Amino acid sequence: MLNMPKRCPICTQKMELEPGFYFGTGYVSYALSIAVMTAVAVAFAVLWGFSIHDNSAFWYLGIAIGITLLLQPWLMRWSRVLYLYMFVRYGKLKEHR
């Protein structure tokens, strides 16, 4: 999941702008993971609800961690794409031949 092409096949943009460029994607991946866990918290609260009288918080944590772990390969890939979009400006692409 971490393999990236050296250059974009359409516009020939270098995918790694400098050595260690993608180290910053850890922050983006963390933000995406927090977004997933927040979405799961909202869905859990709406569907089942939280209570201090049962173990619902532990159920939420187990479900949220499980979903986040299942989505982690995609989250890592999306974080790289988002990080690259933050540093590379894209204009309209001319017709590709």
PDB file of N, CA and C in Angstrom:
ATOM      1  N   MET A   1       0.816  -1.200   0.000  1.00  0.00           N
ATOM      2  CA  MET A   1       0.000   0.000   0.000  1.00  0.00           C
ATOM      3  C   MET A   1       0.861   1.266   0.000  1.00  0.00           C
ATOM      4  N   LEU A   2       2.104   1.171   0.395  1.00  0.00           N
ATOM      5  CA  LEU A   2       2.937   2.368   0.457  1.00  0.00           C
ATOM      6  C   LEU A   2       3.725   2.623  -0.819  1.00  0.00           C
ATOM      7  N   ASN A   3       3.667   1.715  -1.783  1.00  0.00           N
ATOM      8  CA  ASN A   3       4.393   1.922  -3.031  1.00  0.00           C
ATOM      9  C   ASN A   3       3.746   3.044  -3.831  1.00  0.00           C
ATOM     10  N   MET A   4       4.574   3.962  -4.270  1.00  0.00           N
ATOM     11  CA  MET A   4       4.113   5.085  -5.074  1.00  0.00           C
ATOM     12  C   MET A   4       4.921   5.091  -6.370  1.00  0.00           C
ATOM     13  N   PRO A   5       4.292   5.457  -7.478  1.00  0.00           N
ATOM     14  CA  PRO A   5       5.083   5.584  -8.703  1.00  0.00           C
ATOM     15  C   PRO A   5       6.055   6.758  -8.591  1.00  0.00           C
ATOM     16  N   LYS A   6       7.134   6.697  -9.346  1.00  0.00           N
ATOM     17  CA  LYS A   6       8.130   7.778  -9.315  1.00  0.00           C
ATOM     18  C   LYS A   6       7.552   9.072  -9.885  1.00  0.00           C
ATOM     19  N   ARG A   7       6.759   8.948 -10.948  1.00  0.00           N
ATOM     20  CA  ARG A   7       6.165  10.108 -11.611  1.00  0.00           C
ATOM     21  C   ARG A   7       4.716   9.801 -11.968  1.00  0.00           C
ATOM     22  N   CYS A   8       3.931  10.860 -12.087  1.00  0.00           N
ATOM     23  CA  CYS A   8       2.542  10.715 -12.514  1.00  0.00           C
ATOM     24  C   CYS A   8       2.532  10.296 -13.981  1.00  0.00           C
ATOM     25  N   PRO A   9       1.744   9.269 -14.336  1.00  0.00           N
ATOM     26  CA  PRO A   9       1.738   8.816 -15.725  1.00  0.00           C
ATOM     27  C   PRO A   9       1.097   9.820 -16.690  1.00  0.00           C
ATOM     28  N   ILE A  10       0.326  10.775 -16.184  1.00  0.00           N
ATOM     29  CA  ILE A  10      -0.359  11.722 -17.063  1.00  0.00           C
ATOM     30  C   ILE A  10       0.427  13.020 -17.215  1.00  0.00           C
ATOM     31  N   CYS A  11       0.835  13.626 -16.089  1.00  0.00           N
ATOM     32  CA  CYS A  11       1.485  14.939 -16.163  1.00  0.00           C
ATOM     33  C   CYS A  11       2.986  14.885 -15.892  1.00  0.00           C
ATOM     34  N   THR A  12       3.536  13.729 -15.581  1.00  0.00           N
ATOM     35  CA  THR A  12       4.957  13.493 -15.272  1.00  0.00           C
ATOM     36  C   THR A  12       5.449  14.266 -14.044  1.00  0.00           C
ATOM     37  N   GLN A  13       4.549  14.652 -13.155  1.00  0.00           N
ATOM     38  CA  GLN A  13       4.930  15.309 -11.895  1.00  0.00           C
ATOM     39  C   GLN A  13       5.656  14.297 -11.010  1.00  0.00           C
ATOM     40  N   LYS A  14       6.782  14.712 -10.407  1.00  0.00           N
ATOM     41  CA  LYS A  14       7.468  13.836  -9.460  1.00  0.00           C
ATOM     42  C   LYS A  14       6.564  13.620  -8.254  1.00  0.00           C
ATOM     43  N   MET A  15       6.447  12.382  -7.807  1.00  0.00           N
ATOM     44  CA  MET A  15       5.591  12.078  -6.669  1.00  0.00           C
ATOM     45  C   MET A  15       6.275  12.342  -5.333  1.00  0.00           C
ATOM     46  N   GLU A  16       7.583  12.232  -5.269  1.00  0.00           N
ATOM     47  CA  GLU A  16       8.305  12.554  -4.036  1.00  0.00           C
ATOM     48  C   GLU A  16       9.135  13.795  -4.320  1.00  0.00           C
ATOM     49  N   LEU A  17       8.698  14.924  -3.773  1.00  0.00           N
ATOM     50  CA  LEU A  17       9.317  16.202  -4.101  1.00  0.00           C
ATOM     51  C   LEU A  17      10.725  16.336  -3.534  1.00  0.00           C
ATOM     52  N   GLU A  18      10.970  15.718  -2.392  1.00  0.00           N
ATOM     53  CA  GLU A  18      12.290  15.736  -1.767  1.00  0.00           C
ATOM     54  C   GLU A  18      12.405  14.494  -0.895  1.00  0.00           C
ATOM     55  N   PRO A  19      13.635  14.093  -0.518  1.00  0.00           N
ATOM     56  CA  PRO A  19      13.774  12.920   0.343  1.00  0.00           C
ATOM     57  C   PRO A  19      13.043  13.125   1.673  1.00  0.00           C
ATOM     58  N   GLY A  20      12.276  12.140   2.078  1.00  0.00           N
ATOM     59  CA  GLY A  20      11.527  12.217   3.325  1.00  0.00           C
ATOM     60  C   GLY A  20      10.279  13.069   3.234  1.00  0.00           C
ATOM     61  N   PHE A  21       9.840  13.366   2.018  1.00  0.00           N
ATOM     62  CA  PHE A  21       8.683  14.244   1.819  1.00  0.00           C
ATOM     63  C   PHE A  21       7.445  13.721   2.520  1.00  0.00           C
ATOM     64  N   TYR A  22       7.232  12.416   2.488  1.00  0.00           N
ATOM     65  CA  TYR A  22       5.995  11.849   3.005  1.00  0.00           C
ATOM     66  C   TYR A  22       5.990  11.622   4.518  1.00  0.00           C
ATOM     67  N   PHE A  23       7.007  12.057   5.238  1.00  0.00           N
ATOM     68  CA  PHE A  23       6.973  11.927   6.699  1.00  0.00           C
ATOM     69  C   PHE A  23       5.848  12.766   7.296  1.00  0.00           C
ATOM     70  N   GLY A  24       5.491  13.845   6.653  1.00  0.00           N
ATOM     71  CA  GLY A  24       4.415  14.705   7.138  1.00  0.00           C
ATOM     72  C   GLY A  24       3.034  14.092   6.988  1.00  0.00           C
ATOM     73  N   THR A  25       2.939  13.013   6.227  1.00  0.00           N
ATOM     74  CA  THR A  25       1.624  12.387   6.042  1.00  0.00           C
ATOM     75  C   THR A  25       1.130  11.725   7.315  1.00  0.00           C
ATOM     76  N   GLY A  26       2.000  11.528   8.277  1.00  0.00           N
ATOM     77  CA  GLY A  26       1.560  10.976   9.560  1.00  0.00           C
ATOM     78  C   GLY A  26       0.540  11.881  10.231  1.00  0.00           C
ATOM     79  N   TYR A  27       0.737  13.183  10.104  1.00  0.00           N
ATOM     80  CA  TYR A  27      -0.211  14.140  10.684  1.00  0.00           C
ATOM     81  C   TYR A  27      -1.549  14.102   9.953  1.00  0.00           C
ATOM     82  N   VAL A  28      -1.483  13.981   8.629  1.00  0.00           N
ATOM     83  CA  VAL A  28      -2.720  13.913   7.845  1.00  0.00           C
ATOM     84  C   VAL A  28      -3.456  12.606   8.146  1.00  0.00           C
ATOM     85  N   SER A  29      -2.714  11.506   8.238  1.00  0.00           N
ATOM     86  CA  SER A  29      -3.318  10.219   8.557  1.00  0.00           C
ATOM     87  C   SER A  29      -3.946  10.238   9.949  1.00  0.00           C
ATOM     88  N   TYR A  30      -3.292  10.899  10.887  1.00  0.00           N
ATOM     89  CA  TYR A  30      -3.842  11.037  12.238  1.00  0.00           C
ATOM     90  C   TYR A  30      -5.163  11.803  12.198  1.00  0.00           C
ATOM     91  N   ALA A  31      -5.199  12.901  11.437  1.00  0.00           N
ATOM     92  CA  ALA A  31      -6.430  13.693  11.322  1.00  0.00           C
ATOM     93  C   ALA A  31      -7.543  12.875  10.674  1.00  0.00           C
ATOM     94  N   LEU A  32      -7.220  12.086   9.659  1.00  0.00           N
ATOM     95  CA  LEU A  32      -8.237  11.236   9.030  1.00  0.00           C
ATOM     96  C   LEU A  32      -8.733  10.168  10.001  1.00  0.00           C
ATOM     97  N   SER A  33      -7.831   9.606  10.794  1.00  0.00           N
ATOM     98  CA  SER A  33      -8.237   8.600  11.786  1.00  0.00           C
ATOM     99  C   SER A  33      -9.158   9.204  12.838  1.00  0.00           C
ATOM    100  N   ILE A  34      -8.849  10.419  13.279  1.00  0.00           N
ATOM    101  CA  ILE A  34      -9.716  11.103  14.242  1.00  0.00           C
ATOM    102  C   ILE A  34     -11.082  11.371  13.617  1.00  0.00           C
ATOM    103  N   ALA A  35     -11.100  11.742  12.335  1.00  0.00           N
ATOM    104  CA  ALA A  35     -12.379  11.973  11.649  1.00  0.00           C
ATOM    105  C   ALA A  35     -13.206  10.693  11.581  1.00  0.00           C
ATOM    106  N   VAL A  36     -12.552   9.566  11.300  1.00  0.00           N
ATOM    107  CA  VAL A  36     -13.263   8.284  11.257  1.00  0.00           C
ATOM    108  C   VAL A  36     -13.806   7.941  12.645  1.00  0.00           C
ATOM    109  N   MET A  37     -12.999   8.109  13.669  1.00  0.00           N
ATOM    110  CA  MET A  37     -13.445   7.772  15.026  1.00  0.00           C
ATOM    111  C   MET A  37     -14.571   8.699  15.489  1.00  0.00           C
ATOM    112  N   THR A  38     -14.536   9.960  15.068  1.00  0.00           N
ATOM    113  CA  THR A  38     -15.614  10.890  15.398  1.00  0.00           C
ATOM    114  C   THR A  38     -16.900  10.497  14.687  1.00  0.00           C
ATOM    115  N   ALA A  39     -16.785  10.120  13.413  1.00  0.00           N
ATOM    116  CA  ALA A  39     -17.969   9.681  12.665  1.00  0.00           C
ATOM    117  C   ALA A  39     -18.570   8.424  13.292  1.00  0.00           C
ATOM    118  N   VAL A  40     -17.722   7.506  13.735  1.00  0.00           N
ATOM    119  CA  VAL A  40     -18.212   6.297  14.393  1.00  0.00           C
ATOM    120  C   VAL A  40     -18.876   6.656  15.721  1.00  0.00           C
ATOM    121  N   ALA A  41     -18.329   7.641  16.440  1.00  0.00           N
ATOM    122  CA  ALA A  41     -18.925   8.069  17.717  1.00  0.00           C
ATOM    123  C   ALA A  41     -20.316   8.650  17.498  1.00  0.00           C
ATOM    124  N   VAL A  42     -20.457   9.471  16.457  1.00  0.00           N
ATOM    125  CA  VAL A  42     -21.766  10.056  16.162  1.00  0.00           C
ATOM    126  C   VAL A  42     -22.754   8.963  15.765  1.00  0.00           C
ATOM    127  N   ALA A  43     -22.324   8.054  14.892  1.00  0.00           N
ATOM    128  CA  ALA A  43     -23.209   6.956  14.474  1.00  0.00           C
ATOM    129  C   ALA A  43     -23.578   6.073  15.665  1.00  0.00           C
ATOM    130  N   PHE A  44     -22.611   5.778  16.523  1.00  0.00           N
ATOM    131  CA  PHE A  44     -22.876   4.952  17.700  1.00  0.00           C
ATOM    132  C   PHE A  44     -23.852   5.643  18.644  1.00  0.00           C
ATOM    133  N   ALA A  45     -23.667   6.959  18.842  1.00  0.00           N
ATOM    134  CA  ALA A  45     -24.559   7.708  19.735  1.00  0.00           C
ATOM    135  C   ALA A  45     -25.981   7.759  19.198  1.00  0.00           C
ATOM    136  N   VAL A  46     -26.111   7.881  17.881  1.00  0.00           N
ATOM    137  CA  VAL A  46     -27.440   7.936  17.282  1.00  0.00           C
ATOM    138  C   VAL A  46     -28.114   6.567  17.303  1.00  0.00           C
ATOM    139  N   LEU A  47     -27.368   5.528  16.971  1.00  0.00           N
ATOM    140  CA  LEU A  47     -27.968   4.192  16.859  1.00  0.00           C
ATOM    141  C   LEU A  47     -28.165   3.508  18.205  1.00  0.00           C
ATOM    142  N   TRP A  48     -27.173   3.580  19.098  1.00  0.00           N
ATOM    143  CA  TRP A  48     -27.267   2.864  20.370  1.00  0.00           C
ATOM    144  C   TRP A  48     -27.252   3.777  21.585  1.00  0.00           C
ATOM    145  N   GLY A  49     -26.528   4.850  21.524  1.00  0.00           N
ATOM    146  CA  GLY A  49     -26.443   5.781  22.645  1.00  0.00           C
ATOM    147  C   GLY A  49     -25.363   5.397  23.636  1.00  0.00           C
ATOM    148  N   PHE A  50     -24.866   6.396  24.327  1.00  0.00           N
ATOM    149  CA  PHE A  50     -23.869   6.193  25.377  1.00  0.00           C
ATOM    150  C   PHE A  50     -24.550   6.277  26.737  1.00  0.00           C
ATOM    151  N   SER A  51     -24.080   5.480  27.665  1.00  0.00           N
ATOM    152  CA  SER A  51     -24.635   5.494  29.008  1.00  0.00           C
ATOM    153  C   SER A  51     -23.524   5.205  30.008  1.00  0.00           C
ATOM    154  N   ILE A  52     -23.642   5.796  31.188  1.00  0.00           N
ATOM    155  CA  ILE A  52     -22.654   5.502  32.229  1.00  0.00           C
ATOM    156  C   ILE A  52     -23.013   4.247  33.006  1.00  0.00           C
ATOM    157  N   HIS A  53     -24.180   3.673  32.727  1.00  0.00           N
ATOM    158  CA  HIS A  53     -24.656   2.503  33.462  1.00  0.00           C
ATOM    159  C   HIS A  53     -24.333   1.174  32.788  1.00  0.00           C
ATOM    160  N   ASP A  54     -23.714   1.220  31.624  1.00  0.00           N
ATOM    161  CA  ASP A  54     -23.339  -0.029  30.954  1.00  0.00           C
ATOM    162  C   ASP A  54     -21.950   0.140  30.321  1.00  0.00           C
ATOM    163  N   ASN A  55     -21.553  -0.795  29.510  1.00  0.00           N
ATOM    164  CA  ASN A  55     -20.223  -0.767  28.902  1.00  0.00           C
ATOM    165  C   ASN A  55     -20.240  -0.180  27.493  1.00  0.00           C
ATOM    166  N   SER A  56     -21.140   0.751  27.208  1.00  0.00           N
ATOM    167  CA  SER A  56     -21.267   1.262  25.852  1.00  0.00           C
ATOM    168  C   SER A  56     -20.004   2.002  25.391  1.00  0.00           C
ATOM    169  N   ALA A  57     -19.297   2.663  26.293  1.00  0.00           N
ATOM    170  CA  ALA A  57     -18.064   3.353  25.899  1.00  0.00           C
ATOM    171  C   ALA A  57     -17.005   2.360  25.443  1.00  0.00           C
ATOM    172  N   PHE A  58     -16.942   1.211  26.099  1.00  0.00           N
ATOM    173  CA  PHE A  58     -15.972   0.188  25.694  1.00  0.00           C
ATOM    174  C   PHE A  58     -16.367  -0.442  24.366  1.00  0.00           C
ATOM    175  N   TRP A  59     -17.668  -0.638  24.168  1.00  0.00           N
ATOM    176  CA  TRP A  59     -18.138  -1.144  22.874  1.00  0.00           C
ATOM    177  C   TRP A  59     -17.784  -0.163  21.765  1.00  0.00           C
ATOM    178  N   TYR A  60     -18.018   1.131  22.031  1.00  0.00           N
ATOM    179  CA  TYR A  60     -17.671   2.156  21.038  1.00  0.00           C
ATOM    180  C   TYR A  60     -16.180   2.110  20.713  1.00  0.00           C
ATOM    181  N   LEU A  61     -15.329   2.069  21.746  1.00  0.00           N
ATOM    182  CA  LEU A  61     -13.889   2.040  21.506  1.00  0.00           C
ATOM    183  C   LEU A  61     -13.474   0.824  20.684  1.00  0.00           C
ATOM    184  N   GLY A  62     -14.015  -0.330  20.996  1.00  0.00           N
ATOM    185  CA  GLY A  62     -13.690  -1.534  20.229  1.00  0.00           C
ATOM    186  C   GLY A  62     -14.117  -1.424  18.778  1.00  0.00           C
ATOM    187  N   ILE A  63     -15.336  -0.944  18.552  1.00  0.00           N
ATOM    188  CA  ILE A  63     -15.844  -0.808  17.187  1.00  0.00           C
ATOM    189  C   ILE A  63     -15.044   0.251  16.425  1.00  0.00           C
ATOM    190  N   ALA A  64     -14.786   1.393  17.057  1.00  0.00           N
ATOM    191  CA  ALA A  64     -14.059   2.483  16.398  1.00  0.00           C
ATOM    192  C   ALA A  64     -12.628   2.087  16.062  1.00  0.00           C
ATOM    193  N   ILE A  65     -11.963   1.426  16.977  1.00  0.00           N
ATOM    194  CA  ILE A  65     -10.589   0.990  16.719  1.00  0.00           C
ATOM    195  C   ILE A  65     -10.576  -0.064  15.619  1.00  0.00           C
ATOM    196  N   GLY A  66     -11.533  -0.982  15.645  1.00  0.00           N
ATOM    197  CA  GLY A  66     -11.614  -2.006  14.602  1.00  0.00           C
ATOM    198  C   GLY A  66     -11.835  -1.408  13.218  1.00  0.00           C
ATOM    199  N   ILE A  67     -12.762  -0.468  13.113  1.00  0.00           N
ATOM    200  CA  ILE A  67     -13.032   0.169  11.821  1.00  0.00           C
ATOM    201  C   ILE A  67     -11.817   0.975  11.351  1.00  0.00           C
ATOM    202  N   THR A  68     -11.180   1.679  12.273  1.00  0.00           N
ATOM    203  CA  THR A  68     -10.002   2.468  11.911  1.00  0.00           C
ATOM    204  C   THR A  68      -8.865   1.562  11.443  1.00  0.00           C
ATOM    205  N   LEU A  69      -8.671   0.431  12.098  1.00  0.00           N
ATOM    206  CA  LEU A  69      -7.628  -0.505  11.663  1.00  0.00           C
ATOM    207  C   LEU A  69      -7.947  -1.107  10.298  1.00  0.00           C
ATOM    208  N   LEU A  70      -9.217  -1.404  10.047  1.00  0.00           N
ATOM    209  CA  LEU A  70      -9.594  -1.934   8.734  1.00  0.00           C
ATOM    210  C   LEU A  70      -9.393  -0.907   7.623  1.00  0.00           C
ATOM    211  N   LEU A  71      -9.627   0.354   7.931  1.00  0.00           N
ATOM    212  CA  LEU A  71      -9.488   1.415   6.934  1.00  0.00           C
ATOM    213  C   LEU A  71      -8.067   1.956   6.817  1.00  0.00           C
ATOM    214  N   GLN A  72      -7.160   1.525   7.678  1.00  0.00           N
ATOM    215  CA  GLN A  72      -5.821   2.102   7.722  1.00  0.00           C
ATOM    216  C   GLN A  72      -5.069   2.062   6.389  1.00  0.00           C
ATOM    217  N   PRO A  73      -5.104   0.977   5.620  1.00  0.00           N
ATOM    218  CA  PRO A  73      -4.402   1.031   4.327  1.00  0.00           C
ATOM    219  C   PRO A  73      -4.936   2.145   3.424  1.00  0.00           C
ATOM    220  N   TRP A  74      -6.234   2.329   3.392  1.00  0.00           N
ATOM    221  CA  TRP A  74      -6.812   3.391   2.563  1.00  0.00           C
ATOM    222  C   TRP A  74      -6.515   4.764   3.157  1.00  0.00           C
ATOM    223  N   LEU A  75      -6.529   4.873   4.479  1.00  0.00           N
ATOM    224  CA  LEU A  75      -6.220   6.147   5.118  1.00  0.00           C
ATOM    225  C   LEU A  75      -4.780   6.574   4.829  1.00  0.00           C
ATOM    226  N   MET A  76      -3.853   5.629   4.823  1.00  0.00           N
ATOM    227  CA  MET A  76      -2.466   5.958   4.508  1.00  0.00           C
ATOM    228  C   MET A  76      -2.352   6.456   3.072  1.00  0.00           C
ATOM    229  N   ARG A  77      -3.043   5.802   2.163  1.00  0.00           N
ATOM    230  CA  ARG A  77      -3.004   6.195   0.752  1.00  0.00           C
ATOM    231  C   ARG A  77      -3.642   7.570   0.558  1.00  0.00           C
ATOM    232  N   TRP A  78      -4.802   7.788   1.181  1.00  0.00           N
ATOM    233  CA  TRP A  78      -5.480   9.084   1.063  1.00  0.00           C
ATOM    234  C   TRP A  78      -4.646  10.197   1.683  1.00  0.00           C
ATOM    235  N   SER A  79      -3.954   9.893   2.787  1.00  0.00           N
ATOM    236  CA  SER A  79      -3.136  10.928   3.420  1.00  0.00           C
ATOM    237  C   SER A  79      -1.987  11.343   2.507  1.00  0.00           C
ATOM    238  N   ARG A  80      -1.416  10.407   1.770  1.00  0.00           N
ATOM    239  CA  ARG A  80      -0.362  10.756   0.818  1.00  0.00           C
ATOM    240  C   ARG A  80      -0.905  11.627  -0.307  1.00  0.00           C
ATOM    241  N   VAL A  81      -2.073  11.284  -0.792  1.00  0.00           N
ATOM    242  CA  VAL A  81      -2.679  12.073  -1.872  1.00  0.00           C
ATOM    243  C   VAL A  81      -3.002  13.486  -1.380  1.00  0.00           C
ATOM    244  N   LEU A  82      -3.618  13.596  -0.206  1.00  0.00           N
ATOM    245  CA  LEU A  82      -3.949  14.908   0.339  1.00  0.00           C
ATOM    246  C   LEU A  82      -2.697  15.735   0.617  1.00  0.00           C
ATOM    247  N   TYR A  83      -1.664  15.101   1.121  1.00  0.00           N
ATOM    248  CA  TYR A  83      -0.416  15.801   1.418  1.00  0.00           C
ATOM    249  C   TYR A  83       0.225  16.307   0.133  1.00  0.00           C
ATOM    250  N   LEU A  84       0.191  15.514  -0.915  1.00  0.00           N
ATOM    251  CA  LEU A  84       0.732  15.936  -2.199  1.00  0.00           C
ATOM    252  C   LEU A  84      -0.078  17.097  -2.762  1.00  0.00           C
ATOM    253  N   TYR A  85      -1.412  17.054  -2.607  1.00  0.00           N
ATOM    254  CA  TYR A  85      -2.259  18.154  -3.070  1.00  0.00           C
ATOM    255  C   TYR A  85      -1.972  19.453  -2.319  1.00  0.00           C
ATOM    256  N   MET A  86      -1.505  19.368  -1.087  1.00  0.00           N
ATOM    257  CA  MET A  86      -1.205  20.573  -0.326  1.00  0.00           C
ATOM    258  C   MET A  86       0.018  21.309  -0.873  1.00  0.00           C
ATOM    259  N   PHE A  87       0.923  20.583  -1.507  1.00  0.00           N
ATOM    260  CA  PHE A  87       2.184  21.182  -1.945  1.00  0.00           C
ATOM    261  C   PHE A  87       2.322  21.332  -3.453  1.00  0.00           C
ATOM    262  N   VAL A  88       1.467  20.698  -4.215  1.00  0.00           N
ATOM    263  CA  VAL A  88       1.557  20.785  -5.676  1.00  0.00           C
ATOM    264  C   VAL A  88       0.262  21.377  -6.196  1.00  0.00           C
ATOM    265  N   ARG A  89       0.379  22.463  -6.947  1.00  0.00           N
ATOM    266  CA  ARG A  89      -0.793  23.101  -7.539  1.00  0.00           C
ATOM    267  C   ARG A  89      -1.047  22.490  -8.908  1.00  0.00           C
ATOM    268  N   TYR A  90      -2.287  22.137  -9.136  1.00  0.00           N
ATOM    269  CA  TYR A  90      -2.663  21.545 -10.406  1.00  0.00           C
ATOM    270  C   TYR A  90      -3.548  22.510 -11.166  1.00  0.00           C
ATOM    271  N   GLY A  91      -3.233  22.721 -12.415  1.00  0.00           N
ATOM    272  CA  GLY A  91      -4.078  23.517 -13.297  1.00  0.00           C
ATOM    273  C   GLY A  91      -4.899  22.573 -14.156  1.00  0.00           C
ATOM    274  N   LYS A  92      -5.582  23.133 -15.115  1.00  0.00           N
ATOM    275  CA  LYS A  92      -6.315  22.288 -16.053  1.00  0.00           C
ATOM    276  C   LYS A  92      -5.332  21.506 -16.891  1.00  0.00           C
ATOM    277  N   LEU A  93      -5.575  20.228 -17.007  1.00  0.00           N
ATOM    278  CA  LEU A  93      -4.711  19.394 -17.840  1.00  0.00           C
ATOM    279  C   LEU A  93      -5.157  19.525 -19.287  1.00  0.00           C
ATOM    280  N   LYS A  94      -4.179  19.690 -20.150  1.00  0.00           N
ATOM    281  CA  LYS A  94      -4.493  19.691 -21.567  1.00  0.00           C
ATOM    282  C   LYS A  94      -4.774  18.263 -21.975  1.00  0.00           C
ATOM    283  N   GLU A  95      -5.385  18.119 -23.110  1.00  0.00           N
ATOM    284  CA  GLU A  95      -5.757  16.791 -23.583  1.00  0.00           C
ATOM    285  C   GLU A  95      -4.532  15.879 -23.631  1.00  0.00           C
ATOM    286  N   HIS A  96      -4.647  14.754 -23.000  1.00  0.00           N
ATOM    287  CA  HIS A  96      -3.531  13.795 -22.924  1.00  0.00           C
ATOM    288  C   HIS A  96      -3.466  12.984 -24.204  1.00  0.00           C
ATOM    289  N   ARG A  97      -2.273  12.893 -24.760  1.00  0.00           N
ATOM    290  CA  ARG A  97      -2.107  12.120 -26.004  1.00  0.00           C
ATOM    291  C   ARG A  97      -1.352  10.863 -25.737  1.00  0.00           C
TER     292      ARG A  97
END
